[in-house]
Amino acid sequence: MTVSNNLIEFVKQYESLHDGDLTKIGLQPKPCPAGYWTEGYGSVVIGPYGEMMIVEKYPSIEMVLPYSKITTEAEANADLISGLNKRAKGVNKRLKVNVSQCQFDALLSHAYNCGFSTTLYALVNSCAPEEKIKNWFTKKYITAAGKYMKGLQYRRNDEYEIWSGKNYKREYKLSV
């Protein structure tokens, strides 16, 4: 399966370009709640030795800017689509059962934001009851650096709504 336009727009809403500095367009790197420097639509900045740049090791934006690769909105869009396509290959590789486009997109959104969860794919591939999948989506990966994040809770709930075919809207609801 491939990335849908609905998912691209959904991810853009959660991974917005704005970083709080109203004097600039918002394309400069910014730290995410987990402590990684990100740019564009949530891509981690890669450092001089191929490592993901973390705030702990690179505490200032001046240390990160030389490694930033996104300078225009068009580059941010292209990077997002490339990142989603790369992760789509990983989702397809892990799936052993057929899923709908909505379900694929929910898995892909999660992979783009958090990586690949073996537990999630075990549930999906074993055709676990819907309540178990709902519980997993709405209760897991809702922390960053060990702290509960309401924004991640919202995203997980919205991903479950995508999974269940309800909608792709960013609704800021804590229960589905």
C-alpha atoms as a PDB file:
ATOM      1  CA  MET A   1       0.000   0.000   0.000  1.00  0.00           C
ATOM      2  CA  THR A   2       1.064   3.615  -0.424  1.00  0.00           C
ATOM      3  CA  VAL A   3       0.756   6.923   1.380  1.00  0.00           C
ATOM      4  CA  SER A   4      -2.582   8.693   0.946  1.00  0.00           C
ATOM      5  CA  ASN A   5      -3.029  12.434   0.492  1.00  0.00           C
ATOM      6  CA  ASN A   6      -5.287  12.392   3.552  1.00  0.00           C
ATOM      7  CA  LEU A   7      -2.411  11.096   5.660  1.00  0.00           C
ATOM      8  CA  ILE A   8       0.019  13.672   4.282  1.00  0.00           C
ATOM      9  CA  GLU A   9      -2.336  16.460   5.358  1.00  0.00           C
ATOM     10  CA  PHE A  10      -2.931  14.816   8.744  1.00  0.00           C
ATOM     11  CA  VAL A  11       0.807  14.583   9.471  1.00  0.00           C
ATOM     12  CA  LYS A  12       1.329  18.179   8.357  1.00  0.00           C
ATOM     13  CA  GLN A  13      -1.214  19.298  10.940  1.00  0.00           C
ATOM     14  CA  TYR A  14       0.606  17.523  13.753  1.00  0.00           C
ATOM     15  CA  GLU A  15       4.141  18.233  12.557  1.00  0.00           C
ATOM     16  CA  SER A  16       3.642  21.895  11.726  1.00  0.00           C
ATOM     17  CA  LEU A  17       6.461  24.062  10.409  1.00  0.00           C
ATOM     18  CA  HIS A  18       6.005  26.750  13.059  1.00  0.00           C
ATOM     19  CA  ASP A  19       8.545  26.660  15.860  1.00  0.00           C
ATOM     20  CA  GLY A  20       7.503  29.617  17.979  1.00  0.00           C
ATOM     21  CA  ASP A  21       9.917  32.164  16.510  1.00  0.00           C
ATOM     22  CA  LEU A  22       7.604  34.616  14.770  1.00  0.00           C
ATOM     23  CA  THR A  23      10.556  36.482  13.222  1.00  0.00           C
ATOM     24  CA  LYS A  24      11.356  33.530  10.947  1.00  0.00           C
ATOM     25  CA  ILE A  25       9.225  31.314   8.707  1.00  0.00           C
ATOM     26  CA  GLY A  26       9.540  28.309  10.993  1.00  0.00           C
ATOM     27  CA  LEU A  27      11.828  26.147   8.921  1.00  0.00           C
ATOM     28  CA  GLN A  28      14.780  26.377  11.288  1.00  0.00           C
ATOM     29  CA  PRO A  29      15.391  23.329  13.485  1.00  0.00           C
ATOM     30  CA  LYS A  30      13.488  23.038  16.743  1.00  0.00           C
ATOM     31  CA  PRO A  31      13.699  20.602  19.645  1.00  0.00           C
ATOM     32  CA  CYS A  32      10.891  18.073  19.995  1.00  0.00           C
ATOM     33  CA  PRO A  33       9.569  17.062  23.432  1.00  0.00           C
ATOM     34  CA  ALA A  34      11.731  13.920  23.376  1.00  0.00           C
ATOM     35  CA  GLY A  35      14.874  16.064  23.062  1.00  0.00           C
ATOM     36  CA  TYR A  36      15.718  15.579  19.375  1.00  0.00           C
ATOM     37  CA  TRP A  37      16.367  18.470  17.016  1.00  0.00           C
ATOM     38  CA  THR A  38      13.831  18.299  14.194  1.00  0.00           C
ATOM     39  CA  GLU A  39      13.188  20.294  11.048  1.00  0.00           C
ATOM     40  CA  GLY A  40      10.534  20.518   8.375  1.00  0.00           C
ATOM     41  CA  TYR A  41       7.616  18.265   9.289  1.00  0.00           C
ATOM     42  CA  GLY A  42       9.273  16.411  12.161  1.00  0.00           C
ATOM     43  CA  SER A  43      12.423  15.031  10.514  1.00  0.00           C
ATOM     44  CA  VAL A  44      15.282  14.529  12.952  1.00  0.00           C
ATOM     45  CA  VAL A  45      18.397  16.521  12.075  1.00  0.00           C
ATOM     46  CA  ILE A  46      21.343  14.212  11.381  1.00  0.00           C
ATOM     47  CA  GLY A  47      24.699  15.275  12.812  1.00  0.00           C
ATOM     48  CA  PRO A  48      28.270  15.139  11.594  1.00  0.00           C
ATOM     49  CA  TYR A  49      28.727  11.440  12.388  1.00  0.00           C
ATOM     50  CA  GLY A  50      25.357  10.254  11.085  1.00  0.00           C
ATOM     51  CA  GLU A  51      23.748  10.425  14.528  1.00  0.00           C
ATOM     52  CA  MET A  52      20.393  11.918  15.415  1.00  0.00           C
ATOM     53  CA  MET A  53      21.103  15.293  16.979  1.00  0.00           C
ATOM     54  CA  ILE A  54      19.863  15.588  20.562  1.00  0.00           C
ATOM     55  CA  VAL A  55      19.549  18.765  22.610  1.00  0.00           C
ATOM     56  CA  GLU A  56      21.644  17.281  25.412  1.00  0.00           C
ATOM     57  CA  LYS A  57      24.669  16.980  23.105  1.00  0.00           C
ATOM     58  CA  TYR A  58      23.884  19.977  20.865  1.00  0.00           C
ATOM     59  CA  PRO A  59      22.254  22.515  23.230  1.00  0.00           C
ATOM     60  CA  SER A  60      22.028  25.503  20.860  1.00  0.00           C
ATOM     61  CA  ILE A  61      20.463  26.016  17.477  1.00  0.00           C
ATOM     62  CA  GLU A  62      23.766  27.482  16.281  1.00  0.00           C
ATOM     63  CA  MET A  63      25.339  24.045  16.742  1.00  0.00           C
ATOM     64  CA  VAL A  64      22.556  22.416  14.702  1.00  0.00           C
ATOM     65  CA  LEU A  65      22.106  24.876  11.827  1.00  0.00           C
ATOM     66  CA  PRO A  66      25.153  23.685   9.842  1.00  0.00           C
ATOM     67  CA  TYR A  67      23.494  20.243   9.555  1.00  0.00           C
ATOM     68  CA  SER A  68      20.007  21.481   8.708  1.00  0.00           C
ATOM     69  CA  LYS A  69      18.998  20.573   5.156  1.00  0.00           C
ATOM     70  CA  ILE A  70      15.519  22.102   4.861  1.00  0.00           C
ATOM     71  CA  THR A  71      15.385  25.766   3.893  1.00  0.00           C
ATOM     72  CA  THR A  72      12.120  26.068   1.940  1.00  0.00           C
ATOM     73  CA  GLU A  73       8.564  24.872   2.326  1.00  0.00           C
ATOM     74  CA  ALA A  74       8.955  22.885  -0.900  1.00  0.00           C
ATOM     75  CA  GLU A  75      11.943  21.062   0.607  1.00  0.00           C
ATOM     76  CA  ALA A  76       9.926  20.398   3.783  1.00  0.00           C
ATOM     77  CA  ASN A  77       7.091  18.910   1.696  1.00  0.00           C
ATOM     78  CA  ALA A  78       9.488  16.755  -0.325  1.00  0.00           C
ATOM     79  CA  ASP A  79      11.227  15.559   2.859  1.00  0.00           C
ATOM     80  CA  LEU A  80       7.876  14.661   4.451  1.00  0.00           C
ATOM     81  CA  ILE A  81       6.759  12.646   1.426  1.00  0.00           C
ATOM     82  CA  SER A  82      10.146  10.926   1.235  1.00  0.00           C
ATOM     83  CA  GLY A  83      10.016  10.081   4.950  1.00  0.00           C
ATOM     84  CA  LEU A  84       6.475   8.749   4.704  1.00  0.00           C
ATOM     85  CA  ASN A  85       7.330   6.661   1.629  1.00  0.00           C
ATOM     86  CA  LYS A  86      10.361   5.196   3.419  1.00  0.00           C
ATOM     87  CA  ARG A  87       8.258   4.254   6.436  1.00  0.00           C
ATOM     88  CA  ALA A  88       5.460   2.937   4.198  1.00  0.00           C
ATOM     89  CA  LYS A  89       7.922   0.296   2.989  1.00  0.00           C
ATOM     90  CA  GLY A  90       8.517  -0.647   6.632  1.00  0.00           C
ATOM     91  CA  VAL A  91       4.788  -0.873   7.354  1.00  0.00           C
ATOM     92  CA  ASN A  92       4.217  -3.050   4.278  1.00  0.00           C
ATOM     93  CA  LYS A  93       7.125  -5.294   5.289  1.00  0.00           C
ATOM     94  CA  ARG A  94       5.696  -5.829   8.777  1.00  0.00           C
ATOM     95  CA  LEU A  95       2.083  -6.474   7.743  1.00  0.00           C
ATOM     96  CA  LYS A  96       1.094 -10.119   7.294  1.00  0.00           C
ATOM     97  CA  VAL A  97      -2.639  -9.423   6.833  1.00  0.00           C
ATOM     98  CA  ASN A  98      -4.624  -7.159   4.528  1.00  0.00           C
ATOM     99  CA  VAL A  99      -5.658  -3.812   5.970  1.00  0.00           C
ATOM    100  CA  SER A 100      -7.744  -0.933   4.636  1.00  0.00           C
ATOM    101  CA  GLN A 101      -6.186   2.336   3.464  1.00  0.00           C
ATOM    102  CA  CYS A 102      -7.337   3.981   6.709  1.00  0.00           C
ATOM    103  CA  GLN A 103      -5.693   1.275   8.790  1.00  0.00           C
ATOM    104  CA  PHE A 104      -2.493   1.482   6.763  1.00  0.00           C
ATOM    105  CA  ASP A 105      -2.437   5.262   7.198  1.00  0.00           C
ATOM    106  CA  ALA A 106      -2.905   4.963  10.975  1.00  0.00           C
ATOM    107  CA  LEU A 107       0.021   2.533  11.166  1.00  0.00           C
ATOM    108  CA  LEU A 108       2.095   4.811   8.960  1.00  0.00           C
ATOM    109  CA  SER A 109       1.341   7.925  11.019  1.00  0.00           C
ATOM    110  CA  HIS A 110       2.427   6.064  14.129  1.00  0.00           C
ATOM    111  CA  ALA A 111       5.607   4.816  12.455  1.00  0.00           C
ATOM    112  CA  TYR A 112       6.456   8.321  11.239  1.00  0.00           C
ATOM    113  CA  ASN A 113       6.030   9.741  14.740  1.00  0.00           C
ATOM    114  CA  CYS A 114       7.363   6.883  16.920  1.00  0.00           C
ATOM    115  CA  GLY A 115       8.941   4.161  14.830  1.00  0.00           C
ATOM    116  CA  PHE A 116       7.702   0.591  14.495  1.00  0.00           C
ATOM    117  CA  SER A 117       6.114  -1.144  17.472  1.00  0.00           C
ATOM    118  CA  THR A 118       6.399  -4.932  17.414  1.00  0.00           C
ATOM    119  CA  THR A 119       3.442  -5.151  19.801  1.00  0.00           C
ATOM    120  CA  LEU A 120       1.192  -3.147  17.486  1.00  0.00           C
ATOM    121  CA  TYR A 121       2.057  -5.305  14.472  1.00  0.00           C
ATOM    122  CA  ALA A 122       1.577  -8.458  16.543  1.00  0.00           C
ATOM    123  CA  LEU A 123      -1.943  -7.265  17.409  1.00  0.00           C
ATOM    124  CA  VAL A 124      -2.759  -6.357  13.814  1.00  0.00           C
ATOM    125  CA  ASN A 125      -1.258  -9.508  12.308  1.00  0.00           C
ATOM    126  CA  SER A 126      -3.063 -11.750  14.791  1.00  0.00           C
ATOM    127  CA  CYS A 127      -6.380 -10.023  13.968  1.00  0.00           C
ATOM    128  CA  ALA A 128      -6.738  -9.039  17.626  1.00  0.00           C
ATOM    129  CA  PRO A 129     -10.159  -7.832  18.775  1.00  0.00           C
ATOM    130  CA  GLU A 130     -10.871  -4.203  17.935  1.00  0.00           C
ATOM    131  CA  GLU A 131     -10.990  -3.260  21.633  1.00  0.00           C
ATOM    132  CA  LYS A 132      -7.365  -4.406  22.093  1.00  0.00           C
ATOM    133  CA  ILE A 133      -6.208  -2.371  19.098  1.00  0.00           C
ATOM    134  CA  LYS A 134      -8.155   0.662  20.324  1.00  0.00           C
ATOM    135  CA  ASN A 135      -6.629   0.273  23.790  1.00  0.00           C
ATOM    136  CA  TRP A 136      -3.150   0.016  22.309  1.00  0.00           C
ATOM    137  CA  PHE A 137      -3.557   3.114  20.111  1.00  0.00           C
ATOM    138  CA  THR A 138      -5.028   5.232  22.890  1.00  0.00           C
ATOM    139  CA  LYS A 139      -2.809   4.110  25.799  1.00  0.00           C
ATOM    140  CA  LYS A 140       0.680   3.628  24.330  1.00  0.00           C
ATOM    141  CA  TYR A 141       3.331   6.061  23.097  1.00  0.00           C
ATOM    142  CA  ILE A 142       1.799   9.014  24.915  1.00  0.00           C
ATOM    143  CA  THR A 143       4.985  10.102  26.704  1.00  0.00           C
ATOM    144  CA  ALA A 144       8.163  11.862  25.646  1.00  0.00           C
ATOM    145  CA  ALA A 145      11.305  11.649  27.751  1.00  0.00           C
ATOM    146  CA  GLY A 146       9.204   9.871  30.377  1.00  0.00           C
ATOM    147  CA  LYS A 147       6.603  12.633  30.674  1.00  0.00           C
ATOM    148  CA  TYR A 148       2.946  12.375  29.702  1.00  0.00           C
ATOM    149  CA  MET A 149       2.198  14.622  26.708  1.00  0.00           C
ATOM    150  CA  LYS A 150      -1.381  15.622  26.029  1.00  0.00           C
ATOM    151  CA  GLY A 151      -0.460  16.320  22.381  1.00  0.00           C
ATOM    152  CA  LEU A 152       0.729  12.731  21.939  1.00  0.00           C
ATOM    153  CA  GLN A 153      -2.472  11.485  23.565  1.00  0.00           C
ATOM    154  CA  TYR A 154      -4.451  13.539  21.059  1.00  0.00           C
ATOM    155  CA  ARG A 155      -2.409  12.150  18.178  1.00  0.00           C
ATOM    156  CA  ARG A 156      -2.813   8.537  19.293  1.00  0.00           C
ATOM    157  CA  ASN A 157      -6.573   9.046  19.636  1.00  0.00           C
ATOM    158  CA  ASP A 158      -6.746  10.655  16.205  1.00  0.00           C
ATOM    159  CA  GLU A 159      -4.699   7.782  14.754  1.00  0.00           C
ATOM    160  CA  TYR A 160      -7.200   5.349  16.217  1.00  0.00           C
ATOM    161  CA  GLU A 161     -10.018   7.326  14.583  1.00  0.00           C
ATOM    162  CA  ILE A 162      -8.179   6.964  11.263  1.00  0.00           C
ATOM    163  CA  TRP A 163      -7.690   3.233  11.953  1.00  0.00           C
ATOM    164  CA  SER A 164     -11.393   2.794  12.599  1.00  0.00           C
ATOM    165  CA  GLY A 165     -12.327   4.702   9.438  1.00  0.00           C
ATOM    166  CA  LYS A 166     -13.987   7.623  11.240  1.00  0.00           C
ATOM    167  CA  ASN A 167     -11.962  10.560   9.899  1.00  0.00           C
ATOM    168  CA  TYR A 168      -8.580  12.201   9.423  1.00  0.00           C
ATOM    169  CA  LYS A 169      -9.396  15.366  11.368  1.00  0.00           C
ATOM    170  CA  ARG A 170      -7.192  16.643  14.141  1.00  0.00           C
ATOM    171  CA  GLU A 171      -9.796  16.901  16.868  1.00  0.00           C
ATOM    172  CA  TYR A 172      -7.926  17.228  20.186  1.00  0.00           C
ATOM    173  CA  LYS A 173     -10.149  14.657  21.882  1.00  0.00           C
ATOM    174  CA  LEU A 174      -8.943  12.560  24.766  1.00  0.00           C
ATOM    175  CA  SER A 175     -11.420   9.756  24.241  1.00  0.00           C
ATOM    176  CA  VAL A 176     -12.714   8.103  21.104  1.00  0.00           C
END
